[in-house]
Amino acid sequence: MADPKLKKAIQNGEFILAPGVFDLISALIADTIDFNALYVTGYGTVASYLGLPDAGIATYRDMVERIGQIVKQTKRPVIADADTGYGGLLNVRYTVRGYEDVGVSAIQIEDQEFPKKCGHTPNRRVVPLDDMLRKIEVAVDSRRSDDFMIIARTDARTGLGLDEAIRRGQAFAKAGADIVFVESPETEGEMRAIADAIKAPLFANMVNGGRTPLLSADRLKELGYAVAIHPAIGFLAAGAALRKAYSDLQKNGVTSKDIELYSFAEFNELLGFKDVWDFEKKFAQVP
């Protein structure tokens, strides 16, 4: 079930800064750092699992199994991307219950047409407002615990303009969404206008190289935001590190001193090998 600490922290005015995780290695490492939540990124999870773009290709089953394993293996509340709810209203109900069952603390559902696209790429289209409001109604009705939060996202800014995005965000809050997410504002001024107009906890998406300016947690809190995710930092950092290490190996025939590596001993500890070794000593007569 949902971890009540996340909702309580937001209600108490604590700012939530969540790094993007996309597989178990990234999640285990992020969990060792003092964040108050983790964010399972759809873009990164689809990329690491399928090697494909975040364009509505992954299914509910692809995502919930991986998200559930991340929740199981980490200690911090998990916020998870659920795209459009993976279909119509019945799919939304099934998705909400499935995410809640695996222990997610907040689910993010958006108003894009299916198949959806990454919120910082072009050519996104949104469904009629009433259709999204019905999804929010279903999501709120389907959850079993009030600690499980519904994040409602609109992608209207890019195609329909800021005023329409704000109108939708206001409607999402009235429909019962716990947190409102206006995707891809393009200036700090737009972010301020969103915060001034929507009276609900707000969600900021800080994508390295994306359409929205990167602001510090302190600045976002000043503007009136409650949550900031940095979904791309993990897979972009991992990609750069892997390219550097693999290129170094190909060039030199062996890892050079220029490459910084996680120590093998620390990685064994991260993955829980100590428990395996203790078990073997106890039951398998391993000295």
C-alpha atoms as a PDB file:
ATOM      1  CA  MET A   1       0.000   0.000   0.000  1.00  0.00           C
ATOM      2  CA  ALA A   2       0.972   3.663  -0.275  1.00  0.00           C
ATOM      3  CA  ASP A   3       3.525   5.088   2.122  1.00  0.00           C
ATOM      4  CA  PRO A   4       1.652   7.749   4.152  1.00  0.00           C
ATOM      5  CA  LYS A   5       4.852   9.752   4.689  1.00  0.00           C
ATOM      6  CA  LEU A   6       4.635  11.322   1.232  1.00  0.00           C
ATOM      7  CA  LYS A   7       1.145  12.794   1.627  1.00  0.00           C
ATOM      8  CA  LYS A   8       1.902  13.891   5.176  1.00  0.00           C
ATOM      9  CA  ALA A   9       5.072  15.678   4.063  1.00  0.00           C
ATOM     10  CA  ILE A  10       3.166  17.598   1.376  1.00  0.00           C
ATOM     11  CA  GLN A  11       0.396  18.523   3.803  1.00  0.00           C
ATOM     12  CA  ASN A  12       3.052  19.824   6.225  1.00  0.00           C
ATOM     13  CA  GLY A  13       4.573  22.060   3.551  1.00  0.00           C
ATOM     14  CA  GLU A  14       7.720  19.984   3.093  1.00  0.00           C
ATOM     15  CA  PHE A  15       9.123  20.312  -0.423  1.00  0.00           C
ATOM     16  CA  ILE A  16       9.485  16.978  -2.244  1.00  0.00           C
ATOM     17  CA  LEU A  17      12.600  16.617  -4.398  1.00  0.00           C
ATOM     18  CA  ALA A  18      12.596  13.293  -6.249  1.00  0.00           C
ATOM     19  CA  PRO A  19      15.308  11.947  -8.564  1.00  0.00           C
ATOM     20  CA  GLY A  20      14.315   9.890 -11.569  1.00  0.00           C
ATOM     21  CA  VAL A  21      15.062   6.171 -11.326  1.00  0.00           C
ATOM     22  CA  PHE A  22      14.668   3.791 -14.237  1.00  0.00           C
ATOM     23  CA  ASP A  23      15.882   0.368 -13.113  1.00  0.00           C
ATOM     24  CA  LEU A  24      16.906  -1.389  -9.927  1.00  0.00           C
ATOM     25  CA  ILE A  25      20.521  -0.209  -9.989  1.00  0.00           C
ATOM     26  CA  SER A  26      19.514   3.453 -10.239  1.00  0.00           C
ATOM     27  CA  ALA A  27      16.791   2.947  -7.623  1.00  0.00           C
ATOM     28  CA  LEU A  28      19.094   1.233  -5.121  1.00  0.00           C
ATOM     29  CA  ILE A  29      21.713   3.968  -5.462  1.00  0.00           C
ATOM     30  CA  ALA A  30      19.164   6.796  -5.175  1.00  0.00           C
ATOM     31  CA  ASP A  31      17.655   5.102  -2.125  1.00  0.00           C
ATOM     32  CA  THR A  32      20.975   5.449  -0.270  1.00  0.00           C
ATOM     33  CA  ILE A  33      20.762   9.247  -0.602  1.00  0.00           C
ATOM     34  CA  ASP A  34      18.556  11.397   1.610  1.00  0.00           C
ATOM     35  CA  PHE A  35      15.689  12.127  -0.803  1.00  0.00           C
ATOM     36  CA  ASN A  36      12.138  12.147   0.495  1.00  0.00           C
ATOM     37  CA  ALA A  37      10.774  10.258  -2.544  1.00  0.00           C
ATOM     38  CA  LEU A  38      11.842   8.489  -5.728  1.00  0.00           C
ATOM     39  CA  TYR A  39      10.276   9.035  -9.144  1.00  0.00           C
ATOM     40  CA  VAL A  40       9.971   6.118 -11.579  1.00  0.00           C
ATOM     41  CA  THR A  41      10.318   7.738 -14.985  1.00  0.00           C
ATOM     42  CA  GLY A  42       8.362   6.304 -17.883  1.00  0.00           C
ATOM     43  CA  TYR A  43      10.915   7.573 -20.411  1.00  0.00           C
ATOM     44  CA  GLY A  44      13.842   5.958 -18.613  1.00  0.00           C
ATOM     45  CA  THR A  45      12.049   2.727 -17.756  1.00  0.00           C
ATOM     46  CA  VAL A  46      10.907   2.193 -21.347  1.00  0.00           C
ATOM     47  CA  ALA A  47      14.399   3.039 -22.612  1.00  0.00           C
ATOM     48  CA  SER A  48      16.159   0.655 -20.216  1.00  0.00           C
ATOM     49  CA  TYR A  49      13.684  -2.207 -20.688  1.00  0.00           C
ATOM     50  CA  LEU A  50      12.764  -1.952 -24.379  1.00  0.00           C
ATOM     51  CA  GLY A  51      15.384   0.387 -25.838  1.00  0.00           C
ATOM     52  CA  LEU A  52      12.561   2.374 -27.418  1.00  0.00           C
ATOM     53  CA  PRO A  53      11.250   5.951 -27.189  1.00  0.00           C
ATOM     54  CA  ASP A  54       8.634   7.073 -24.685  1.00  0.00           C
ATOM     55  CA  ALA A  55       5.853   7.095 -27.274  1.00  0.00           C
ATOM     56  CA  GLY A  56       3.047   4.990 -25.796  1.00  0.00           C
ATOM     57  CA  ILE A  57       4.674   1.673 -26.710  1.00  0.00           C
ATOM     58  CA  ALA A  58       5.062   0.233 -23.202  1.00  0.00           C
ATOM     59  CA  THR A  59       2.020  -1.424 -21.647  1.00  0.00           C
ATOM     60  CA  TYR A  60       0.591  -1.427 -18.137  1.00  0.00           C
ATOM     61  CA  ARG A  61       2.103  -4.871 -17.546  1.00  0.00           C
ATOM     62  CA  ASP A  62       5.544  -3.715 -18.745  1.00  0.00           C
ATOM     63  CA  MET A  63       5.507  -0.899 -16.216  1.00  0.00           C
ATOM     64  CA  VAL A  64       3.749  -2.261 -13.124  1.00  0.00           C
ATOM     65  CA  GLU A  65       6.073  -5.249 -12.772  1.00  0.00           C
ATOM     66  CA  ARG A  66       9.190  -3.068 -12.868  1.00  0.00           C
ATOM     67  CA  ILE A  67       7.703  -0.380 -10.645  1.00  0.00           C
ATOM     68  CA  GLY A  68       6.626  -2.989  -8.125  1.00  0.00           C
ATOM     69  CA  GLN A  69      10.132  -4.419  -7.912  1.00  0.00           C
ATOM     70  CA  ILE A  70      11.560  -0.921  -7.375  1.00  0.00           C
ATOM     71  CA  VAL A  71       9.080  -0.312  -4.538  1.00  0.00           C
ATOM     72  CA  LYS A  72       9.895  -3.688  -2.995  1.00  0.00           C
ATOM     73  CA  GLN A  73      13.650  -3.081  -3.025  1.00  0.00           C
ATOM     74  CA  THR A  74      13.672   0.511  -1.732  1.00  0.00           C
ATOM     75  CA  LYS A  75      12.619   2.283   1.449  1.00  0.00           C
ATOM     76  CA  ARG A  76      11.442   5.672   0.210  1.00  0.00           C
ATOM     77  CA  PRO A  77       7.982   6.622  -1.101  1.00  0.00           C
ATOM     78  CA  VAL A  78       7.683   6.070  -4.845  1.00  0.00           C
ATOM     79  CA  ILE A  79       5.943   8.353  -7.335  1.00  0.00           C
ATOM     80  CA  ALA A  80       5.302   6.545 -10.623  1.00  0.00           C
ATOM     81  CA  ASP A  81       4.455   7.548 -14.168  1.00  0.00           C
ATOM     82  CA  ALA A  82       1.334   5.844 -15.581  1.00  0.00           C
ATOM     83  CA  ASP A  83       1.067   7.684 -18.917  1.00  0.00           C
ATOM     84  CA  THR A  84      -2.625   8.038 -19.863  1.00  0.00           C
ATOM     85  CA  GLY A  85      -3.714   5.214 -17.579  1.00  0.00           C
ATOM     86  CA  TYR A  86      -2.989   2.828 -20.471  1.00  0.00           C
ATOM     87  CA  GLY A  87      -6.357   3.201 -22.151  1.00  0.00           C
ATOM     88  CA  GLY A  88      -9.931   4.106 -21.282  1.00  0.00           C
ATOM     89  CA  LEU A  89     -11.761   4.453 -17.997  1.00  0.00           C
ATOM     90  CA  LEU A  90     -11.703   0.759 -17.147  1.00  0.00           C
ATOM     91  CA  ASN A  91      -7.958   0.705 -17.821  1.00  0.00           C
ATOM     92  CA  VAL A  92      -7.525   3.657 -15.463  1.00  0.00           C
ATOM     93  CA  ARG A  93      -9.314   1.792 -12.679  1.00  0.00           C
ATOM     94  CA  TYR A  94      -7.175  -1.288 -13.234  1.00  0.00           C
ATOM     95  CA  THR A  95      -3.983   0.805 -13.374  1.00  0.00           C
ATOM     96  CA  VAL A  96      -4.734   2.742 -10.184  1.00  0.00           C
ATOM     97  CA  ARG A  97      -5.491  -0.434  -8.255  1.00  0.00           C
ATOM     98  CA  GLY A  98      -2.457  -2.211  -9.663  1.00  0.00           C
ATOM     99  CA  TYR A  99      -0.056   0.605  -8.828  1.00  0.00           C
ATOM    100  CA  GLU A 100      -1.524   0.914  -5.347  1.00  0.00           C
ATOM    101  CA  ASP A 101      -1.266  -2.843  -4.800  1.00  0.00           C
ATOM    102  CA  VAL A 102       2.482  -2.846  -5.534  1.00  0.00           C
ATOM    103  CA  GLY A 103       3.061  -0.022  -3.029  1.00  0.00           C
ATOM    104  CA  VAL A 104       3.282   3.127  -5.157  1.00  0.00           C
ATOM    105  CA  SER A 105       2.517   6.283  -3.144  1.00  0.00           C
ATOM    106  CA  ALA A 106       1.477   8.621  -5.991  1.00  0.00           C
ATOM    107  CA  ILE A 107       0.413   7.855  -9.569  1.00  0.00           C
ATOM    108  CA  GLN A 108       0.774  10.314 -12.448  1.00  0.00           C
ATOM    109  CA  ILE A 109      -1.894  10.259 -15.198  1.00  0.00           C
ATOM    110  CA  GLU A 110      -1.959  12.661 -18.143  1.00  0.00           C
ATOM    111  CA  ASP A 111      -4.464  14.059 -20.631  1.00  0.00           C
ATOM    112  CA  GLN A 112      -2.656  13.182 -23.844  1.00  0.00           C
ATOM    113  CA  GLU A 113      -4.256  11.291 -26.682  1.00  0.00           C
ATOM    114  CA  PHE A 114      -3.136   7.685 -26.980  1.00  0.00           C
ATOM    115  CA  PRO A 115      -0.431   6.844 -27.912  1.00  0.00           C
ATOM    116  CA  LYS A 116       1.206   9.458 -25.700  1.00  0.00           C
ATOM    117  CA  LYS A 117       4.644  11.022 -26.155  1.00  0.00           C
ATOM    118  CA  CYS A 118       7.308  12.372 -23.818  1.00  0.00           C
ATOM    119  CA  GLY A 119       6.158  15.740 -22.469  1.00  0.00           C
ATOM    120  CA  HIS A 120       9.241  17.562 -23.715  1.00  0.00           C
ATOM    121  CA  THR A 121       8.955  16.416 -27.320  1.00  0.00           C
ATOM    122  CA  PRO A 122       6.793  17.964 -30.088  1.00  0.00           C
ATOM    123  CA  ASN A 123       3.458  16.957 -31.658  1.00  0.00           C
ATOM    124  CA  ARG A 124       1.597  16.089 -28.468  1.00  0.00           C
ATOM    125  CA  ARG A 125      -2.198  16.286 -28.539  1.00  0.00           C
ATOM    126  CA  VAL A 126      -4.624  16.232 -25.634  1.00  0.00           C
ATOM    127  CA  VAL A 127      -8.049  14.690 -25.161  1.00  0.00           C
ATOM    128  CA  PRO A 128     -11.123  16.849 -24.452  1.00  0.00           C
ATOM    129  CA  LEU A 129     -11.153  18.206 -20.916  1.00  0.00           C
ATOM    130  CA  ASP A 130     -14.287  16.275 -19.944  1.00  0.00           C
ATOM    131  CA  ASP A 131     -12.598  13.000 -20.878  1.00  0.00           C
ATOM    132  CA  MET A 132      -9.701  13.713 -18.538  1.00  0.00           C
ATOM    133  CA  LEU A 133     -12.017  14.785 -15.740  1.00  0.00           C
ATOM    134  CA  ARG A 134     -13.766  11.407 -15.984  1.00  0.00           C
ATOM    135  CA  LYS A 135     -10.367   9.699 -15.695  1.00  0.00           C
ATOM    136  CA  ILE A 136      -9.623  11.672 -12.543  1.00  0.00           C
ATOM    137  CA  GLU A 137     -13.052  10.771 -11.140  1.00  0.00           C
ATOM    138  CA  VAL A 138     -12.393   7.093 -11.829  1.00  0.00           C
ATOM    139  CA  ALA A 139      -8.891   7.269 -10.360  1.00  0.00           C
ATOM    140  CA  VAL A 140     -10.111   8.870  -7.137  1.00  0.00           C
ATOM    141  CA  ASP A 141     -12.967   6.384  -6.835  1.00  0.00           C
ATOM    142  CA  SER A 142     -10.715   3.374  -7.522  1.00  0.00           C
ATOM    143  CA  ARG A 143      -8.050   3.916  -4.888  1.00  0.00           C
ATOM    144  CA  ARG A 144      -8.420   2.065  -1.620  1.00  0.00           C
ATOM    145  CA  SER A 145      -6.495   4.480   0.599  1.00  0.00           C
ATOM    146  CA  ASP A 146      -6.500   8.263   0.760  1.00  0.00           C
ATOM    147  CA  ASP A 147      -2.724   8.047   1.280  1.00  0.00           C
ATOM    148  CA  PHE A 148      -2.439   6.996  -2.367  1.00  0.00           C
ATOM    149  CA  MET A 149      -2.281  10.274  -4.276  1.00  0.00           C
ATOM    150  CA  ILE A 150      -3.510  11.092  -7.773  1.00  0.00           C
ATOM    151  CA  ILE A 151      -1.292  13.415  -9.835  1.00  0.00           C
ATOM    152  CA  ALA A 152      -3.179  14.827 -12.837  1.00  0.00           C
ATOM    153  CA  ARG A 153      -1.025  16.151 -15.663  1.00  0.00           C
ATOM    154  CA  THR A 154      -1.967  18.325 -18.616  1.00  0.00           C
ATOM    155  CA  ASP A 155       0.107  18.586 -21.781  1.00  0.00           C
ATOM    156  CA  ALA A 156      -2.034  21.398 -23.173  1.00  0.00           C
ATOM    157  CA  ARG A 157       0.607  24.136 -22.832  1.00  0.00           C
ATOM    158  CA  THR A 158       2.612  23.193 -25.922  1.00  0.00           C
ATOM    159  CA  GLY A 159      -0.262  22.819 -28.380  1.00  0.00           C
ATOM    160  CA  LEU A 160      -3.076  24.935 -26.923  1.00  0.00           C
ATOM    161  CA  GLY A 161      -1.279  27.581 -24.880  1.00  0.00           C
ATOM    162  CA  LEU A 162      -0.756  28.518 -21.258  1.00  0.00           C
ATOM    163  CA  ASP A 163      -4.304  29.766 -20.584  1.00  0.00           C
ATOM    164  CA  GLU A 164      -5.811  26.426 -21.598  1.00  0.00           C
ATOM    165  CA  ALA A 165      -3.226  24.538 -19.547  1.00  0.00           C
ATOM    166  CA  ILE A 166      -4.107  26.611 -16.477  1.00  0.00           C
ATOM    167  CA  ARG A 167      -7.838  26.144 -17.099  1.00  0.00           C
ATOM    168  CA  ARG A 168      -7.328  22.404 -17.200  1.00  0.00           C
ATOM    169  CA  GLY A 169      -5.153  22.422 -14.082  1.00  0.00           C
ATOM    170  CA  GLN A 170      -7.843  24.306 -12.163  1.00  0.00           C
ATOM    171  CA  ALA A 171     -10.454  21.808 -13.334  1.00  0.00           C
ATOM    172  CA  PHE A 172      -8.242  18.880 -12.326  1.00  0.00           C
ATOM    173  CA  ALA A 173      -7.998  20.231  -8.792  1.00  0.00           C
ATOM    174  CA  LYS A 174     -11.784  20.662  -8.570  1.00  0.00           C
ATOM    175  CA  ALA A 175     -12.254  17.101  -9.837  1.00  0.00           C
ATOM    176  CA  GLY A 176     -10.286  15.720  -6.897  1.00  0.00           C
ATOM    177  CA  ALA A 177      -6.679  15.410  -8.056  1.00  0.00           C
ATOM    178  CA  ASP A 178      -4.330  15.611  -5.079  1.00  0.00           C
ATOM    179  CA  ILE A 179      -1.532  17.213  -7.100  1.00  0.00           C
ATOM    180  CA  VAL A 180      -1.706  19.175 -10.365  1.00  0.00           C
ATOM    181  CA  PHE A 181       1.025  18.904 -12.985  1.00  0.00           C
ATOM    182  CA  VAL A 182       1.128  21.437 -15.828  1.00  0.00           C
ATOM    183  CA  GLU A 183       3.724  20.000 -18.186  1.00  0.00           C
ATOM    184  CA  SER A 184       6.285  22.021 -20.156  1.00  0.00           C
ATOM    185  CA  PRO A 185       5.897  25.666 -19.113  1.00  0.00           C
ATOM    186  CA  GLU A 186       8.583  27.518 -21.029  1.00  0.00           C
ATOM    187  CA  THR A 187       9.636  30.362 -18.725  1.00  0.00           C
ATOM    188  CA  GLU A 188       9.864  31.085 -15.029  1.00  0.00           C
ATOM    189  CA  GLY A 189       7.120  33.651 -15.581  1.00  0.00           C
ATOM    190  CA  GLU A 190       4.804  30.948 -16.871  1.00  0.00           C
ATOM    191  CA  MET A 191       5.614  28.796 -13.862  1.00  0.00           C
ATOM    192  CA  ARG A 192       4.744  31.697 -11.587  1.00  0.00           C
ATOM    193  CA  ALA A 193       1.443  32.249 -13.418  1.00  0.00           C
ATOM    194  CA  ILE A 194       0.555  28.573 -12.963  1.00  0.00           C
ATOM    195  CA  ALA A 195       1.291  28.755  -9.247  1.00  0.00           C
ATOM    196  CA  ASP A 196      -0.732  31.947  -8.841  1.00  0.00           C
ATOM    197  CA  ALA A 197      -3.769  30.535 -10.650  1.00  0.00           C
ATOM    198  CA  ILE A 198      -4.052  26.927  -9.436  1.00  0.00           C
ATOM    199  CA  LYS A 199      -4.874  26.422  -5.773  1.00  0.00           C
ATOM    200  CA  ALA A 200      -3.536  22.925  -5.262  1.00  0.00           C
ATOM    201  CA  PRO A 201      -0.167  21.269  -4.606  1.00  0.00           C
ATOM    202  CA  LEU A 202       1.829  21.698  -7.803  1.00  0.00           C
ATOM    203  CA  PHE A 203       4.294  19.428  -9.579  1.00  0.00           C
ATOM    204  CA  ALA A 204       7.362  20.663 -11.506  1.00  0.00           C
ATOM    205  CA  ASN A 205       9.156  18.558 -14.109  1.00  0.00           C
ATOM    206  CA  MET A 206      12.833  19.510 -14.270  1.00  0.00           C
ATOM    207  CA  VAL A 207      14.107  17.805 -17.434  1.00  0.00           C
ATOM    208  CA  ASN A 208      17.758  18.386 -18.295  1.00  0.00           C
ATOM    209  CA  GLY A 209      17.662  19.726 -21.858  1.00  0.00           C
ATOM    210  CA  GLY A 210      13.860  20.017 -21.826  1.00  0.00           C
ATOM    211  CA  ARG A 211      11.467  22.889 -22.519  1.00  0.00           C
ATOM    212  CA  THR A 212      11.187  24.146 -18.920  1.00  0.00           C
ATOM    213  CA  PRO A 213      13.929  26.178 -17.192  1.00  0.00           C
ATOM    214  CA  LEU A 214      15.768  24.259 -14.479  1.00  0.00           C
ATOM    215  CA  LEU A 215      15.108  25.907 -11.120  1.00  0.00           C
ATOM    216  CA  SER A 216      16.424  24.999  -7.690  1.00  0.00           C
ATOM    217  CA  ALA A 217      14.226  23.343  -5.106  1.00  0.00           C
ATOM    218  CA  ASP A 218      14.345  26.526  -3.017  1.00  0.00           C
ATOM    219  CA  ARG A 219      13.200  28.667  -5.945  1.00  0.00           C
ATOM    220  CA  LEU A 220      10.393  26.282  -6.871  1.00  0.00           C
ATOM    221  CA  LYS A 221       9.146  26.303  -3.301  1.00  0.00           C
ATOM    222  CA  GLU A 222       9.203  30.117  -3.330  1.00  0.00           C
ATOM    223  CA  LEU A 223       7.070  30.095  -6.472  1.00  0.00           C
ATOM    224  CA  GLY A 224       4.534  27.818  -4.791  1.00  0.00           C
ATOM    225  CA  TYR A 225       5.412  24.333  -6.025  1.00  0.00           C
ATOM    226  CA  ALA A 226       5.210  21.284  -3.763  1.00  0.00           C
ATOM    227  CA  VAL A 227       7.047  18.610  -5.755  1.00  0.00           C
ATOM    228  CA  ALA A 228       9.917  18.604  -8.236  1.00  0.00           C
ATOM    229  CA  ILE A 229      11.049  15.582 -10.183  1.00  0.00           C
ATOM    230  CA  HIS A 230      14.326  15.299 -12.087  1.00  0.00           C
ATOM    231  CA  PRO A 231      13.400  12.326 -14.275  1.00  0.00           C
ATOM    232  CA  ALA A 232      16.305  12.390 -16.730  1.00  0.00           C
ATOM    233  CA  ILE A 233      19.268  12.923 -14.425  1.00  0.00           C
ATOM    234  CA  GLY A 234      19.786   9.212 -13.774  1.00  0.00           C
ATOM    235  CA  PHE A 235      19.706   7.810 -17.281  1.00  0.00           C
ATOM    236  CA  LEU A 236      21.559  10.792 -18.794  1.00  0.00           C
ATOM    237  CA  ALA A 237      24.327  10.467 -16.197  1.00  0.00           C
ATOM    238  CA  ALA A 238      24.482   6.702 -16.665  1.00  0.00           C
ATOM    239  CA  GLY A 239      24.563   7.074 -20.444  1.00  0.00           C
ATOM    240  CA  ALA A 240      27.442   9.530 -20.324  1.00  0.00           C
ATOM    241  CA  ALA A 241      29.402   7.387 -17.857  1.00  0.00           C
ATOM    242  CA  LEU A 242      28.889   4.205 -19.887  1.00  0.00           C
ATOM    243  CA  ARG A 243      29.904   5.846 -23.152  1.00  0.00           C
ATOM    244  CA  LYS A 244      33.065   7.195 -21.544  1.00  0.00           C
ATOM    245  CA  ALA A 245      33.975   3.875 -19.918  1.00  0.00           C
ATOM    246  CA  TYR A 246      33.273   1.728 -22.984  1.00  0.00           C
ATOM    247  CA  SER A 247      35.169   4.126 -25.270  1.00  0.00           C
ATOM    248  CA  ASP A 248      38.098   4.109 -22.870  1.00  0.00           C
ATOM    249  CA  LEU A 249      38.157   0.304 -22.863  1.00  0.00           C
ATOM    250  CA  GLN A 250      38.052   0.113 -26.661  1.00  0.00           C
ATOM    251  CA  LYS A 251      40.836   2.672 -26.990  1.00  0.00           C
ATOM    252  CA  ASN A 252      43.184   1.270 -24.344  1.00  0.00           C
ATOM    253  CA  GLY A 253      42.284  -2.409 -24.210  1.00  0.00           C
ATOM    254  CA  VAL A 254      41.875  -2.135 -20.444  1.00  0.00           C
ATOM    255  CA  THR A 255      40.211   0.292 -18.030  1.00  0.00           C
ATOM    256  CA  SER A 256      42.472   3.306 -17.579  1.00  0.00           C
ATOM    257  CA  LYS A 257      42.994   5.381 -14.464  1.00  0.00           C
ATOM    258  CA  ASP A 258      40.848   8.141 -16.008  1.00  0.00           C
ATOM    259  CA  ILE A 259      37.646   6.144 -15.473  1.00  0.00           C
ATOM    260  CA  GLU A 260      35.850   6.481 -12.146  1.00  0.00           C
ATOM    261  CA  LEU A 261      34.101   3.254 -11.186  1.00  0.00           C
ATOM    262  CA  TYR A 262      31.810   2.206  -8.367  1.00  0.00           C
ATOM    263  CA  SER A 263      33.995  -0.147  -6.325  1.00  0.00           C
ATOM    264  CA  PHE A 264      33.160  -3.829  -6.805  1.00  0.00           C
ATOM    265  CA  ALA A 265      32.997  -4.335  -3.031  1.00  0.00           C
ATOM    266  CA  GLU A 266      30.560  -1.449  -2.587  1.00  0.00           C
ATOM    267  CA  PHE A 267      28.435  -2.719  -5.451  1.00  0.00           C
ATOM    268  CA  ASN A 268      28.244  -6.152  -3.863  1.00  0.00           C
ATOM    269  CA  GLU A 269      27.063  -4.475  -0.671  1.00  0.00           C
ATOM    270  CA  LEU A 270      24.500  -2.396  -2.560  1.00  0.00           C
ATOM    271  CA  LEU A 271      22.973  -5.525  -4.081  1.00  0.00           C
ATOM    272  CA  GLY A 272      22.814  -7.399  -0.780  1.00  0.00           C
ATOM    273  CA  PHE A 273      25.503 -10.019  -1.215  1.00  0.00           C
ATOM    274  CA  LYS A 274      26.268  -9.880   2.513  1.00  0.00           C
ATOM    275  CA  ASP A 275      22.887 -11.453   3.209  1.00  0.00           C
ATOM    276  CA  VAL A 276      23.671 -14.216   0.697  1.00  0.00           C
ATOM    277  CA  TRP A 277      27.026 -14.927   2.317  1.00  0.00           C
ATOM    278  CA  ASP A 278      25.508 -14.926   5.820  1.00  0.00           C
ATOM    279  CA  PHE A 279      22.835 -17.356   4.645  1.00  0.00           C
ATOM    280  CA  GLU A 280      25.447 -19.674   3.154  1.00  0.00           C
ATOM    281  CA  LYS A 281      27.437 -19.691   6.378  1.00  0.00           C
ATOM    282  CA  LYS A 282      24.327 -20.593   8.337  1.00  0.00           C
ATOM    283  CA  PHE A 283      22.728 -23.198   6.071  1.00  0.00           C
ATOM    284  CA  ALA A 284      25.162 -24.312   3.380  1.00  0.00           C
ATOM    285  CA  GLN A 285      28.203 -25.028   5.555  1.00  0.00           C
ATOM    286  CA  VAL A 286      30.265 -22.471   3.643  1.00  0.00           C
ATOM    287  CA  PRO A 287      33.214 -21.342   5.810  1.00  0.00           C
END
